[in-house]
Amino acid sequence: MNKYVVFLVLVLLMAGMQYSSNASSYAYANSKASQGKKISAKQAANKVKRKYGGKVLKVSASGNGYRVKLIQPDGKIISVYVDGNSGKIKG
C-alpha cells in the first residue's frame, strides 16, 4: 500500500512540473519573442492543437514565428512552424 502512495505522489509531482514547464515556455515566448508579431505563442499553440490534436509540449520563438512541438493522440511527436504574422501553419 505504501509503495502505491509513494508512486502516486511522484506521478502528481511530475505532472505539476510538466505543467509549470509548459507555462514558463509560453510566458517566455510571449514576453521576449512576440514583439512585432500579430499572434502570441499561446495563440500559435492553440492553433496547432486544434489542427492536430494532442498535447503541446513546447513553444519556442523561431525566426518570425514559433516552433510548436506536440504529441498527438497516437503518440507521434511532431514539430510545426507557425508564422507570427499570418498565423499560417507550415509543416
Protein backbone atom coordinates (compact mmCIF):
# COMPACT_ATOMS: atom_id res chain seq x y z
CA MET A 1 0.00 0.00 0.00
CA ASN A 2 2.78 2.46 0.90
CA LYS A 3 4.51 1.83 -2.45
CA TYR A 4 1.34 2.86 -4.27
CA VAL A 5 1.04 6.07 -2.26
CA VAL A 6 4.68 6.99 -2.98
CA PHE A 7 4.17 6.22 -6.67
CA LEU A 8 1.02 8.35 -6.81
CA VAL A 9 2.78 11.28 -5.12
CA LEU A 10 5.68 11.06 -7.60
CA VAL A 11 3.32 10.99 -10.57
CA LEU A 12 1.44 14.04 -9.29
CA LEU A 13 4.69 15.93 -8.69
CA MET A 14 5.93 15.15 -12.19
CA ALA A 15 2.63 16.27 -13.70
CA GLY A 16 2.88 19.56 -11.82
CA MET A 17 6.44 20.12 -13.01
CA GLN A 18 5.39 19.46 -16.63
CA TYR A 19 2.55 21.98 -16.32
CA SER A 20 4.82 24.67 -14.90
CA SER A 21 7.39 23.96 -17.62
CA ASN A 22 4.77 24.49 -20.35
CA ALA A 23 3.50 27.64 -18.66
CA SER A 24 7.00 29.11 -18.47
CA SER A 25 7.66 28.24 -22.14
CA TYR A 26 4.57 30.21 -23.16
CA ALA A 27 5.46 33.10 -20.86
CA TYR A 28 9.00 33.34 -22.24
CA ALA A 29 7.88 33.14 -25.85
CA ASN A 30 5.15 35.70 -25.23
CA SER A 31 7.33 38.19 -23.37
CA LYS A 32 10.52 38.07 -25.45
CA ALA A 33 9.71 36.86 -28.91
CA SER A 34 6.22 38.07 -29.71
CA GLN A 35 7.34 41.67 -30.17
CA GLY A 36 6.36 42.72 -33.68
CA LYS A 37 4.22 39.62 -34.29
CA LYS A 38 0.47 39.61 -34.73
CA ILE A 39 -0.13 36.35 -32.84
CA SER A 40 1.21 35.22 -29.49
CA ALA A 41 2.94 31.95 -28.62
CA LYS A 42 -0.21 30.80 -26.84
CA GLN A 43 -2.35 31.54 -29.89
CA ALA A 44 0.11 29.61 -32.07
CA ALA A 45 0.00 26.64 -29.68
CA ASN A 46 -3.81 26.65 -29.61
CA LYS A 47 -3.99 26.84 -33.40
CA VAL A 48 -1.69 23.80 -33.77
CA LYS A 49 -3.53 21.89 -31.07
CA ARG A 50 -6.88 22.46 -32.80
CA LYS A 51 -5.49 21.26 -36.14
CA TYR A 52 -3.53 18.20 -34.99
CA GLY A 53 -4.98 17.31 -31.57
CA GLY A 54 -2.88 16.04 -28.69
CA LYS A 55 -0.83 17.93 -26.13
CA VAL A 56 1.56 20.83 -26.72
CA LEU A 57 4.99 20.01 -25.33
CA LYS A 58 6.92 23.18 -26.15
CA VAL A 59 6.61 26.51 -27.92
CA SER A 60 9.73 28.40 -28.93
CA ALA A 61 10.44 31.52 -30.96
CA SER A 62 11.82 30.74 -34.41
CA GLY A 63 12.56 33.45 -36.93
CA ASN A 64 9.40 35.47 -37.49
CA GLY A 65 7.15 32.88 -35.85
CA TYR A 66 7.01 29.97 -33.47
CA ARG A 67 8.07 26.33 -33.47
CA VAL A 68 5.37 24.26 -31.75
CA LYS A 69 6.16 20.71 -30.63
CA LEU A 70 3.30 18.41 -29.64
CA ILE A 71 2.45 14.79 -29.03
CA GLN A 72 -0.55 13.53 -30.96
CA PRO A 73 -3.16 11.14 -29.51
CA ASP A 74 -1.48 8.21 -31.30
CA GLY A 75 1.83 9.01 -29.55
CA LYS A 76 3.55 10.58 -32.56
CA ILE A 77 5.63 13.68 -31.76
CA ILE A 78 5.56 16.42 -34.38
CA SER A 79 7.04 19.88 -34.69
CA VAL A 80 5.47 22.56 -36.89
CA TYR A 81 6.18 26.20 -37.65
CA VAL A 82 3.54 28.90 -37.21
CA ASP A 83 4.09 32.22 -38.99
CA GLY A 84 3.95 35.02 -36.42
CA ASN A 85 2.18 37.47 -38.72
CA SER A 86 -0.23 35.38 -40.79
CA GLY A 87 -0.80 32.57 -38.28
CA LYS A 88 -0.39 30.00 -41.07
CA ILE A 89 0.86 26.57 -40.05
CA LYS A 90 3.76 25.29 -42.13
CA GLY A 91 4.91 21.67 -41.96
